[in-house]
N, C-alpha and C. Protein backbone atom coordinates (compact mmCIF):
# COMPACT_ATOMS: atom_id res chain seq x y z
N UNK A 1 -108.10 196.37 19.49
CA UNK A 1 -108.40 196.16 18.11
C UNK A 1 -107.14 195.74 17.35
N UNK A 2 -106.09 196.39 17.73
CA UNK A 2 -104.84 196.09 17.07
C UNK A 2 -104.46 194.63 17.29
N UNK A 3 -104.64 194.13 18.51
CA UNK A 3 -104.33 192.73 18.79
C UNK A 3 -105.25 191.79 18.02
N UNK A 4 -106.48 192.22 17.86
CA UNK A 4 -107.45 191.42 17.14
C UNK A 4 -107.07 191.31 15.67
N UNK A 5 -106.59 192.40 15.08
CA UNK A 5 -106.17 192.41 13.68
C UNK A 5 -104.94 191.52 13.48
N UNK A 6 -103.97 191.57 14.38
CA UNK A 6 -102.76 190.72 14.29
C UNK A 6 -103.15 189.26 14.43
N UNK A 7 -104.04 188.95 15.35
CA UNK A 7 -104.47 187.57 15.56
C UNK A 7 -105.20 187.06 14.32
N UNK A 8 -106.03 187.90 13.70
CA UNK A 8 -106.78 187.49 12.51
C UNK A 8 -105.82 187.21 11.35
N UNK A 9 -104.79 188.06 11.20
CA UNK A 9 -103.82 187.85 10.13
C UNK A 9 -103.01 186.57 10.38
N UNK A 10 -102.63 186.32 11.60
CA UNK A 10 -101.87 185.10 11.94
C UNK A 10 -102.71 183.87 11.67
N UNK A 11 -104.00 183.91 12.03
CA UNK A 11 -104.90 182.78 11.82
C UNK A 11 -105.09 182.55 10.33
N UNK A 12 -105.23 183.61 9.55
CA UNK A 12 -105.40 183.47 8.10
C UNK A 12 -104.15 182.85 7.48
N UNK A 13 -102.97 183.25 7.94
CA UNK A 13 -101.73 182.70 7.41
C UNK A 13 -101.60 181.22 7.72
N UNK A 14 -102.05 180.79 8.89
CA UNK A 14 -101.96 179.37 9.28
C UNK A 14 -102.93 178.52 8.49
N UNK A 15 -104.06 179.10 8.08
CA UNK A 15 -105.06 178.29 7.39
C UNK A 15 -104.70 178.05 5.93
N UNK A 16 -103.76 178.82 5.37
CA UNK A 16 -103.34 178.59 3.99
C UNK A 16 -102.34 177.44 3.97
N UNK A 17 -102.47 176.59 2.96
CA UNK A 17 -101.55 175.46 2.85
C UNK A 17 -100.18 175.94 2.38
N UNK A 18 -99.18 175.38 2.97
CA UNK A 18 -97.81 175.68 2.53
C UNK A 18 -97.59 175.05 1.16
N UNK A 19 -96.84 175.70 0.31
CA UNK A 19 -96.60 175.10 -1.01
C UNK A 19 -95.88 173.77 -0.85
N UNK A 20 -96.32 172.80 -1.64
CA UNK A 20 -95.75 171.46 -1.60
C UNK A 20 -94.72 171.32 -2.73
N UNK A 21 -93.63 170.62 -2.45
CA UNK A 21 -92.67 170.39 -3.53
C UNK A 21 -93.32 169.49 -4.59
N UNK A 22 -92.87 169.58 -5.83
CA UNK A 22 -93.44 168.74 -6.87
C UNK A 22 -93.23 167.27 -6.54
N UNK A 23 -94.19 166.45 -6.94
CA UNK A 23 -94.10 165.00 -6.69
C UNK A 23 -92.93 164.43 -7.47
N UNK A 24 -92.19 163.56 -6.84
CA UNK A 24 -91.06 162.91 -7.48
C UNK A 24 -91.43 161.45 -7.68
N UNK A 25 -91.33 161.00 -8.92
CA UNK A 25 -91.60 159.60 -9.21
C UNK A 25 -90.47 158.74 -8.64
N UNK A 26 -90.81 157.62 -8.02
CA UNK A 26 -89.73 156.76 -7.52
C UNK A 26 -88.91 156.20 -8.68
N UNK A 27 -87.62 156.06 -8.45
CA UNK A 27 -86.75 155.50 -9.49
C UNK A 27 -87.13 154.05 -9.72
N UNK A 28 -87.13 153.66 -10.98
CA UNK A 28 -87.43 152.27 -11.29
C UNK A 28 -86.15 151.60 -11.77
N UNK A 29 -85.97 150.40 -11.34
CA UNK A 29 -84.85 149.61 -11.82
C UNK A 29 -85.41 148.32 -12.37
N UNK A 30 -84.84 147.90 -13.45
CA UNK A 30 -85.30 146.67 -14.07
C UNK A 30 -84.78 145.50 -13.25
N UNK A 31 -85.68 144.59 -12.92
CA UNK A 31 -85.27 143.41 -12.16
C UNK A 31 -84.39 142.54 -13.04
N UNK A 32 -83.41 141.86 -12.46
CA UNK A 32 -82.57 140.99 -13.25
C UNK A 32 -83.42 139.89 -13.89
N UNK A 33 -83.03 139.50 -15.08
CA UNK A 33 -83.77 138.46 -15.79
C UNK A 33 -83.65 137.15 -15.04
N UNK A 34 -84.79 136.47 -14.90
CA UNK A 34 -84.74 135.15 -14.27
C UNK A 34 -84.42 134.09 -15.31
N UNK A 35 -84.66 134.41 -16.59
CA UNK A 35 -84.27 133.50 -17.65
C UNK A 35 -84.18 134.26 -18.97
N UNK A 36 -83.39 133.71 -19.87
CA UNK A 36 -83.23 134.28 -21.21
C UNK A 36 -83.47 133.15 -22.20
N UNK A 37 -84.34 133.40 -23.16
CA UNK A 37 -84.62 132.42 -24.21
C UNK A 37 -83.80 132.76 -25.45
N UNK A 38 -83.11 131.76 -26.00
CA UNK A 38 -82.26 131.96 -27.17
C UNK A 38 -82.74 131.02 -28.27
N UNK A 39 -83.10 131.59 -29.42
CA UNK A 39 -83.46 130.79 -30.60
C UNK A 39 -82.18 130.43 -31.33
N UNK A 40 -81.95 129.14 -31.55
CA UNK A 40 -80.75 128.70 -32.28
C UNK A 40 -81.11 128.37 -33.71
N UNK A 41 -80.24 128.84 -34.60
CA UNK A 41 -80.41 128.64 -36.04
C UNK A 41 -79.19 127.92 -36.59
N UNK A 42 -79.37 127.25 -37.73
CA UNK A 42 -78.22 126.67 -38.41
C UNK A 42 -77.28 127.80 -38.81
N UNK A 43 -76.00 127.57 -38.70
CA UNK A 43 -74.99 128.53 -39.14
C UNK A 43 -74.60 128.13 -40.57
N UNK A 44 -74.82 129.03 -41.52
CA UNK A 44 -74.52 128.73 -42.92
C UNK A 44 -73.60 129.81 -43.49
N UNK A 45 -72.97 129.53 -44.63
CA UNK A 45 -72.09 130.53 -45.25
C UNK A 45 -72.82 131.80 -45.71
N UNK A 46 -74.15 131.76 -45.76
CA UNK A 46 -74.90 132.95 -46.17
C UNK A 46 -75.60 133.63 -44.99
N UNK A 47 -75.39 133.13 -43.78
CA UNK A 47 -76.02 133.71 -42.59
C UNK A 47 -76.88 132.69 -41.88
N UNK A 48 -77.67 133.12 -40.90
CA UNK A 48 -78.50 132.18 -40.15
C UNK A 48 -79.48 131.44 -41.06
N UNK A 49 -79.59 130.14 -40.82
CA UNK A 49 -80.49 129.29 -41.59
C UNK A 49 -81.73 128.93 -40.79
N UNK A 50 -82.21 127.71 -40.98
CA UNK A 50 -83.42 127.25 -40.31
C UNK A 50 -83.23 127.01 -38.82
N UNK A 51 -84.34 126.93 -38.13
CA UNK A 51 -84.33 126.75 -36.68
C UNK A 51 -83.85 125.35 -36.29
N UNK A 52 -83.04 125.29 -35.24
CA UNK A 52 -82.65 124.00 -34.66
C UNK A 52 -83.10 123.92 -33.20
N UNK A 53 -83.93 124.87 -32.76
CA UNK A 53 -84.50 124.79 -31.42
C UNK A 53 -84.21 126.01 -30.56
N UNK A 54 -84.37 125.81 -29.27
CA UNK A 54 -84.17 126.90 -28.31
C UNK A 54 -83.35 126.42 -27.12
N UNK A 55 -82.75 127.39 -26.47
CA UNK A 55 -82.04 127.16 -25.21
C UNK A 55 -82.55 128.23 -24.24
N UNK A 56 -82.99 127.79 -23.08
CA UNK A 56 -83.39 128.71 -22.02
C UNK A 56 -82.22 128.76 -21.04
N UNK A 57 -81.73 129.96 -20.76
CA UNK A 57 -80.63 130.13 -19.82
C UNK A 57 -81.21 130.74 -18.55
N UNK A 58 -80.91 130.13 -17.39
CA UNK A 58 -81.44 130.65 -16.13
C UNK A 58 -80.39 130.52 -15.04
N UNK A 59 -80.53 131.39 -14.03
CA UNK A 59 -79.64 131.32 -12.87
C UNK A 59 -80.06 130.15 -11.99
N UNK A 60 -79.08 129.52 -11.37
CA UNK A 60 -79.36 128.47 -10.38
C UNK A 60 -78.28 128.55 -9.31
N UNK A 61 -78.49 127.85 -8.22
CA UNK A 61 -77.52 127.85 -7.12
C UNK A 61 -76.19 127.25 -7.55
N UNK A 62 -76.17 126.39 -8.58
CA UNK A 62 -74.92 125.77 -9.02
C UNK A 62 -74.32 126.42 -10.26
N UNK A 63 -74.85 127.56 -10.68
CA UNK A 63 -74.34 128.26 -11.86
C UNK A 63 -75.44 128.44 -12.88
N UNK A 64 -75.06 128.91 -14.05
CA UNK A 64 -76.05 129.11 -15.12
C UNK A 64 -76.50 127.76 -15.65
N UNK A 65 -77.82 127.60 -15.77
CA UNK A 65 -78.40 126.38 -16.33
C UNK A 65 -78.81 126.67 -17.76
N UNK A 66 -78.47 125.76 -18.65
CA UNK A 66 -78.83 125.85 -20.06
C UNK A 66 -79.80 124.71 -20.34
N UNK A 67 -81.08 125.04 -20.48
CA UNK A 67 -82.11 124.05 -20.75
C UNK A 67 -82.26 123.93 -22.26
N UNK A 68 -81.86 122.78 -22.80
CA UNK A 68 -81.79 122.58 -24.24
C UNK A 68 -83.06 121.94 -24.77
N UNK A 69 -83.50 122.44 -25.90
CA UNK A 69 -84.58 121.82 -26.66
C UNK A 69 -84.16 121.96 -28.13
N UNK A 70 -83.32 121.02 -28.59
CA UNK A 70 -82.66 121.13 -29.89
C UNK A 70 -83.01 119.93 -30.77
N UNK A 71 -82.95 120.15 -32.07
CA UNK A 71 -83.19 119.05 -33.02
C UNK A 71 -82.38 119.32 -34.29
N UNK A 72 -82.21 118.29 -35.09
CA UNK A 72 -81.54 118.45 -36.38
C UNK A 72 -80.03 118.54 -36.31
N UNK A 73 -79.43 118.20 -35.16
CA UNK A 73 -77.97 118.22 -35.05
C UNK A 73 -77.40 116.86 -35.40
N UNK A 74 -76.23 116.83 -36.02
CA UNK A 74 -75.61 115.54 -36.34
C UNK A 74 -75.21 114.78 -35.07
N UNK A 75 -75.27 113.45 -35.10
CA UNK A 75 -74.86 112.66 -33.94
C UNK A 75 -73.41 112.92 -33.56
N UNK A 76 -73.10 112.71 -32.28
CA UNK A 76 -71.74 112.85 -31.79
C UNK A 76 -71.60 113.95 -30.75
N UNK A 77 -70.36 114.27 -30.43
CA UNK A 77 -70.02 115.29 -29.45
C UNK A 77 -69.79 116.61 -30.15
N UNK A 78 -70.31 117.68 -29.56
CA UNK A 78 -70.18 119.01 -30.15
C UNK A 78 -69.70 120.02 -29.12
N UNK A 79 -68.81 120.91 -29.53
CA UNK A 79 -68.41 122.02 -28.68
C UNK A 79 -69.57 122.98 -28.51
N UNK A 80 -69.66 123.60 -27.33
CA UNK A 80 -70.76 124.49 -26.99
C UNK A 80 -70.15 125.66 -26.24
N UNK A 81 -70.33 126.89 -26.76
CA UNK A 81 -69.64 128.06 -26.19
C UNK A 81 -70.49 129.32 -26.28
N UNK A 82 -70.13 130.28 -25.42
CA UNK A 82 -70.59 131.66 -25.56
C UNK A 82 -69.51 132.37 -26.36
N UNK A 83 -69.92 133.11 -27.41
CA UNK A 83 -68.96 133.88 -28.20
C UNK A 83 -69.13 135.36 -27.92
N UNK A 84 -68.11 136.15 -28.24
CA UNK A 84 -68.04 137.54 -27.78
C UNK A 84 -69.03 138.50 -28.41
N UNK A 85 -69.46 138.31 -29.63
CA UNK A 85 -70.31 139.28 -30.31
C UNK A 85 -71.75 138.77 -30.43
N UNK A 86 -72.71 139.69 -30.48
CA UNK A 86 -74.14 139.35 -30.60
C UNK A 86 -74.53 139.29 -32.07
N UNK A 87 -73.93 138.37 -32.81
CA UNK A 87 -74.24 138.21 -34.23
C UNK A 87 -74.03 136.77 -34.65
N UNK A 88 -74.90 136.30 -35.52
CA UNK A 88 -74.73 134.98 -36.11
C UNK A 88 -74.53 135.09 -37.62
N UNK A 89 -74.20 136.29 -38.09
CA UNK A 89 -73.96 136.49 -39.51
C UNK A 89 -72.66 135.82 -39.93
N UNK A 90 -72.62 135.44 -41.19
CA UNK A 90 -71.39 134.90 -41.75
C UNK A 90 -70.39 136.05 -41.93
N UNK A 91 -69.11 135.69 -41.96
CA UNK A 91 -68.08 136.71 -42.20
C UNK A 91 -67.15 136.22 -43.30
N UNK A 92 -66.51 137.17 -43.95
CA UNK A 92 -65.55 136.87 -45.01
C UNK A 92 -64.19 136.73 -44.37
N UNK A 93 -63.57 135.56 -44.51
CA UNK A 93 -62.29 135.30 -43.86
C UNK A 93 -61.37 134.58 -44.83
N UNK A 94 -60.27 135.20 -45.19
CA UNK A 94 -59.27 134.59 -46.09
C UNK A 94 -59.89 134.06 -47.37
N UNK A 95 -60.77 134.83 -47.97
CA UNK A 95 -61.35 134.44 -49.26
C UNK A 95 -62.53 133.50 -49.18
N UNK A 96 -62.97 133.12 -47.99
CA UNK A 96 -64.11 132.22 -47.86
C UNK A 96 -65.09 132.78 -46.84
N UNK A 97 -66.33 132.37 -46.95
CA UNK A 97 -67.34 132.78 -45.99
C UNK A 97 -67.31 131.82 -44.80
N UNK A 98 -67.27 132.37 -43.59
CA UNK A 98 -67.25 131.58 -42.36
C UNK A 98 -68.63 131.66 -41.71
N UNK A 99 -69.34 130.53 -41.61
CA UNK A 99 -70.64 130.56 -40.95
C UNK A 99 -70.52 131.11 -39.53
N UNK A 100 -71.39 132.04 -39.18
CA UNK A 100 -71.44 132.67 -37.85
C UNK A 100 -70.11 133.30 -37.43
N UNK A 101 -69.29 133.64 -38.39
CA UNK A 101 -67.99 134.23 -38.10
C UNK A 101 -68.08 135.60 -37.42
N UNK A 102 -69.20 136.31 -37.63
CA UNK A 102 -69.35 137.62 -37.01
C UNK A 102 -69.52 137.54 -35.50
N UNK A 103 -69.69 136.32 -34.95
CA UNK A 103 -69.81 136.15 -33.50
C UNK A 103 -68.46 136.31 -32.81
N UNK A 104 -67.38 136.35 -33.58
CA UNK A 104 -66.05 136.50 -32.98
C UNK A 104 -65.61 135.25 -32.25
N UNK A 105 -64.67 135.44 -31.34
CA UNK A 105 -64.10 134.32 -30.59
C UNK A 105 -64.87 134.02 -29.32
N UNK A 106 -64.33 133.14 -28.52
CA UNK A 106 -64.97 132.75 -27.26
C UNK A 106 -65.02 133.93 -26.29
N UNK A 107 -66.10 134.02 -25.54
CA UNK A 107 -66.30 135.06 -24.53
C UNK A 107 -65.25 134.88 -23.45
N UNK A 108 -64.39 135.88 -23.27
CA UNK A 108 -63.26 135.80 -22.35
C UNK A 108 -63.08 137.14 -21.64
N UNK A 109 -64.05 137.55 -20.77
CA UNK A 109 -64.00 138.88 -20.18
C UNK A 109 -62.77 139.12 -19.29
N UNK A 110 -62.14 138.08 -18.77
CA UNK A 110 -60.95 138.26 -17.95
C UNK A 110 -59.66 138.23 -18.78
N UNK A 111 -59.81 138.11 -20.10
CA UNK A 111 -58.67 138.09 -21.03
C UNK A 111 -57.64 137.03 -20.65
N UNK A 112 -58.12 135.82 -20.36
CA UNK A 112 -57.22 134.73 -20.00
C UNK A 112 -56.45 134.21 -21.21
N UNK A 113 -57.10 134.26 -22.39
CA UNK A 113 -56.47 133.74 -23.59
C UNK A 113 -56.32 132.23 -23.57
N UNK A 114 -57.06 131.56 -22.66
CA UNK A 114 -56.93 130.11 -22.53
C UNK A 114 -58.28 129.42 -22.63
N UNK A 115 -58.27 128.25 -23.20
CA UNK A 115 -59.45 127.40 -23.29
C UNK A 115 -59.27 126.32 -22.22
N UNK A 116 -60.14 126.30 -21.20
CA UNK A 116 -59.93 125.36 -20.08
C UNK A 116 -61.22 124.67 -19.63
N UNK A 117 -62.30 124.78 -20.38
CA UNK A 117 -63.53 124.09 -20.03
C UNK A 117 -64.40 124.86 -19.05
N UNK A 118 -65.61 124.35 -18.82
CA UNK A 118 -66.58 125.08 -18.00
C UNK A 118 -66.19 125.22 -16.53
N UNK A 119 -65.30 124.38 -16.04
CA UNK A 119 -64.89 124.47 -14.64
C UNK A 119 -63.47 124.99 -14.48
N UNK A 120 -62.78 125.21 -15.60
CA UNK A 120 -61.40 125.68 -15.56
C UNK A 120 -61.33 127.19 -15.43
N UNK A 121 -60.11 127.70 -15.45
CA UNK A 121 -59.91 129.13 -15.27
C UNK A 121 -59.59 129.86 -16.57
N UNK A 122 -60.12 129.36 -17.68
CA UNK A 122 -59.92 130.00 -18.98
C UNK A 122 -61.12 130.84 -19.38
N UNK A 123 -61.47 130.76 -20.66
CA UNK A 123 -62.60 131.52 -21.19
C UNK A 123 -63.86 131.27 -20.36
N UNK A 124 -64.57 132.31 -20.00
CA UNK A 124 -65.83 132.15 -19.29
C UNK A 124 -66.88 131.54 -20.21
N UNK A 125 -66.70 131.70 -21.51
CA UNK A 125 -67.65 131.17 -22.49
C UNK A 125 -67.55 129.69 -22.75
N UNK A 126 -66.61 128.99 -22.11
CA UNK A 126 -66.50 127.53 -22.28
C UNK A 126 -67.65 126.84 -21.55
N UNK A 127 -68.48 126.13 -22.29
CA UNK A 127 -69.64 125.44 -21.72
C UNK A 127 -69.45 123.93 -21.82
N UNK A 128 -70.27 123.15 -21.11
CA UNK A 128 -70.19 121.69 -21.23
C UNK A 128 -70.45 121.24 -22.67
N UNK A 129 -69.84 120.14 -23.07
CA UNK A 129 -70.04 119.58 -24.40
C UNK A 129 -71.48 119.11 -24.59
N UNK A 130 -71.93 119.15 -25.84
CA UNK A 130 -73.24 118.59 -26.19
C UNK A 130 -73.03 117.17 -26.72
N UNK A 131 -73.80 116.25 -26.24
CA UNK A 131 -73.74 114.87 -26.72
C UNK A 131 -75.05 114.57 -27.45
N UNK A 132 -74.94 114.26 -28.74
CA UNK A 132 -76.11 113.93 -29.55
C UNK A 132 -76.04 112.44 -29.86
N UNK A 133 -77.12 111.73 -29.53
CA UNK A 133 -77.16 110.28 -29.72
C UNK A 133 -77.01 109.88 -31.18
N UNK A 134 -76.67 108.60 -31.40
CA UNK A 134 -76.43 108.11 -32.76
C UNK A 134 -77.68 108.17 -33.63
N UNK A 135 -78.85 108.23 -33.00
CA UNK A 135 -80.09 108.33 -33.78
C UNK A 135 -80.41 109.78 -34.15
N UNK A 136 -79.66 110.74 -33.61
CA UNK A 136 -79.88 112.15 -33.92
C UNK A 136 -81.19 112.69 -33.36
N UNK A 137 -81.76 111.98 -32.37
CA UNK A 137 -83.05 112.38 -31.81
C UNK A 137 -82.96 113.76 -31.16
N UNK A 138 -84.09 114.46 -31.08
CA UNK A 138 -84.09 115.77 -30.42
C UNK A 138 -83.49 115.70 -29.01
N UNK A 139 -82.82 116.77 -28.62
CA UNK A 139 -82.15 116.84 -27.33
C UNK A 139 -82.97 117.70 -26.40
N UNK A 140 -83.33 117.14 -25.25
CA UNK A 140 -84.01 117.90 -24.21
C UNK A 140 -83.34 117.54 -22.89
N UNK A 141 -82.42 118.40 -22.48
CA UNK A 141 -81.70 118.19 -21.22
C UNK A 141 -81.16 119.52 -20.74
N UNK A 142 -80.57 119.50 -19.56
CA UNK A 142 -79.99 120.71 -18.98
C UNK A 142 -78.50 120.52 -18.75
N UNK A 143 -77.75 121.57 -18.98
CA UNK A 143 -76.31 121.60 -18.72
C UNK A 143 -76.02 122.77 -17.79
N UNK A 144 -75.01 122.61 -16.93
CA UNK A 144 -74.66 123.67 -15.97
C UNK A 144 -73.28 124.23 -16.26
N UNK A 145 -73.20 125.56 -16.23
CA UNK A 145 -71.92 126.27 -16.35
C UNK A 145 -71.64 126.90 -14.98
N UNK A 146 -70.87 126.22 -14.11
CA UNK A 146 -70.71 126.65 -12.72
C UNK A 146 -70.04 128.01 -12.52
N UNK A 147 -69.21 128.46 -13.45
CA UNK A 147 -68.50 129.73 -13.26
C UNK A 147 -69.36 130.94 -13.64
N UNK A 148 -70.46 130.71 -14.33
CA UNK A 148 -71.34 131.82 -14.72
C UNK A 148 -72.39 131.96 -13.62
N UNK A 149 -72.27 133.01 -12.83
CA UNK A 149 -73.13 133.18 -11.66
C UNK A 149 -74.25 134.20 -11.87
N UNK A 150 -74.22 134.91 -12.99
CA UNK A 150 -75.26 135.89 -13.28
C UNK A 150 -75.49 135.89 -14.78
N UNK A 151 -76.64 135.41 -15.22
CA UNK A 151 -76.88 135.27 -16.65
C UNK A 151 -76.96 136.60 -17.38
N UNK A 152 -77.17 137.71 -16.67
CA UNK A 152 -77.25 139.00 -17.36
C UNK A 152 -75.92 139.36 -18.03
N UNK A 153 -74.81 138.80 -17.57
CA UNK A 153 -73.52 139.08 -18.20
C UNK A 153 -73.40 138.41 -19.58
N UNK A 154 -74.35 137.54 -19.91
CA UNK A 154 -74.30 136.85 -21.20
C UNK A 154 -75.04 137.62 -22.30
N UNK A 155 -75.81 138.62 -21.91
CA UNK A 155 -76.55 139.40 -22.92
C UNK A 155 -75.58 140.05 -23.90
N UNK A 156 -76.05 140.17 -25.12
CA UNK A 156 -75.27 140.78 -26.20
C UNK A 156 -74.04 139.96 -26.57
N UNK A 157 -74.22 138.65 -26.52
CA UNK A 157 -73.21 137.70 -26.97
C UNK A 157 -73.94 136.64 -27.81
N UNK A 158 -73.21 135.68 -28.33
CA UNK A 158 -73.82 134.61 -29.13
C UNK A 158 -73.58 133.27 -28.46
N UNK A 159 -74.53 132.37 -28.63
CA UNK A 159 -74.42 130.99 -28.15
C UNK A 159 -74.10 130.15 -29.37
N UNK A 160 -73.03 129.35 -29.31
CA UNK A 160 -72.53 128.66 -30.50
C UNK A 160 -72.41 127.16 -30.27
N UNK A 161 -72.77 126.39 -31.32
CA UNK A 161 -72.55 124.94 -31.35
C UNK A 161 -71.56 124.68 -32.48
N UNK A 162 -70.52 123.90 -32.16
CA UNK A 162 -69.48 123.56 -33.14
C UNK A 162 -69.62 122.10 -33.56
N UNK A 163 -69.23 121.81 -34.78
CA UNK A 163 -69.14 120.42 -35.24
C UNK A 163 -67.95 119.79 -34.52
N UNK A 164 -68.10 118.56 -34.12
CA UNK A 164 -66.98 117.87 -33.49
C UNK A 164 -66.82 118.22 -32.02
N UNK A 165 -66.02 117.43 -31.36
CA UNK A 165 -65.84 117.51 -29.92
C UNK A 165 -65.05 118.70 -29.45
N UNK A 166 -64.78 118.70 -28.17
CA UNK A 166 -64.07 119.78 -27.51
C UNK A 166 -63.31 119.14 -26.36
N UNK A 167 -61.97 119.19 -26.40
CA UNK A 167 -61.19 118.57 -25.33
C UNK A 167 -60.81 119.55 -24.23
N UNK A 168 -61.36 120.78 -24.28
CA UNK A 168 -61.13 121.82 -23.26
C UNK A 168 -59.65 122.14 -23.08
N UNK A 169 -58.92 122.08 -24.15
CA UNK A 169 -57.50 122.39 -24.10
C UNK A 169 -57.11 123.12 -25.38
N UNK A 170 -55.99 123.76 -25.37
CA UNK A 170 -55.49 124.40 -26.58
C UNK A 170 -54.42 123.54 -27.25
N UNK A 171 -54.23 122.34 -26.76
CA UNK A 171 -53.28 121.38 -27.34
C UNK A 171 -53.99 120.06 -27.58
N UNK A 172 -53.81 119.35 -28.61
CA UNK A 172 -52.90 119.64 -29.71
C UNK A 172 -53.44 120.67 -30.71
N UNK A 173 -54.73 120.98 -30.62
CA UNK A 173 -55.29 121.99 -31.53
C UNK A 173 -55.91 123.11 -30.69
N UNK A 174 -55.86 124.36 -31.18
CA UNK A 174 -56.43 125.46 -30.40
C UNK A 174 -57.94 125.31 -30.21
N UNK A 175 -58.44 125.90 -29.12
CA UNK A 175 -59.87 125.97 -28.81
C UNK A 175 -60.54 124.61 -28.74
N UNK A 176 -59.82 123.63 -28.22
CA UNK A 176 -60.41 122.32 -27.98
C UNK A 176 -60.50 121.44 -29.19
N UNK A 177 -60.00 121.90 -30.33
CA UNK A 177 -60.01 121.09 -31.53
C UNK A 177 -61.37 120.99 -32.18
N UNK A 178 -62.35 121.79 -31.72
CA UNK A 178 -63.69 121.74 -32.32
C UNK A 178 -63.67 122.19 -33.76
N UNK A 179 -64.72 121.83 -34.46
CA UNK A 179 -64.80 122.14 -35.87
C UNK A 179 -65.61 123.37 -36.18
N UNK A 180 -66.20 123.34 -37.36
CA UNK A 180 -66.96 124.48 -37.88
C UNK A 180 -68.13 124.85 -36.98
N UNK A 181 -68.57 126.07 -37.13
CA UNK A 181 -69.74 126.57 -36.39
C UNK A 181 -70.98 126.06 -37.12
N UNK A 182 -71.80 125.27 -36.43
CA UNK A 182 -72.97 124.69 -37.10
C UNK A 182 -74.30 125.23 -36.56
N UNK A 183 -74.30 125.83 -35.38
CA UNK A 183 -75.52 126.40 -34.81
C UNK A 183 -75.19 127.65 -34.03
N UNK A 184 -76.10 128.65 -34.09
CA UNK A 184 -75.81 129.91 -33.44
C UNK A 184 -77.10 130.60 -33.05
N UNK A 185 -77.08 131.31 -31.92
CA UNK A 185 -78.20 132.12 -31.48
C UNK A 185 -77.70 133.33 -30.74
N UNK A 186 -78.37 134.46 -30.93
CA UNK A 186 -77.99 135.70 -30.24
C UNK A 186 -78.67 135.72 -28.89
N UNK A 187 -77.90 136.00 -27.84
CA UNK A 187 -78.42 136.10 -26.48
C UNK A 187 -78.84 137.56 -26.27
N UNK A 188 -80.15 137.80 -26.30
CA UNK A 188 -80.66 139.17 -26.21
C UNK A 188 -80.98 139.60 -24.81
């Protein structure tokens, strides 16, 4: 009888389920963005103005691709850069308002302090120049920035269009000799 009682207790213990640890939700990681859409606005002394289009930034095998769909820009060559701050607000500088001045300077995460163009070893924010035809027609084309290999590093910065050209040098004028900030968009 004693053996029968021990066997019954052992069988009862085996039939009860062992406590299970609480379920753990799998960790989620956000997939890297395959593209970032940036709305560009006119840069004015009072802050962002009207829309001048969009730029889609995407990764490619040859670097970051900037797909442009812009309008309302003056004809000619324009400097095109990533700036360090995520703002297109005007700033007060030496007694005057600077359009999109809150965007700061060119994006330069390696602290090179040099302007050397999209293929050079200076600011990472140096992008290819924009060429606007003499008729000022809308621009729909793509530009490549070969040194930018992951577009997520551009988040929380500004995309800037400058009046006038860009010679990708700091001589004879600093930052390629480009002019005023005429278009700006926050890269979110």
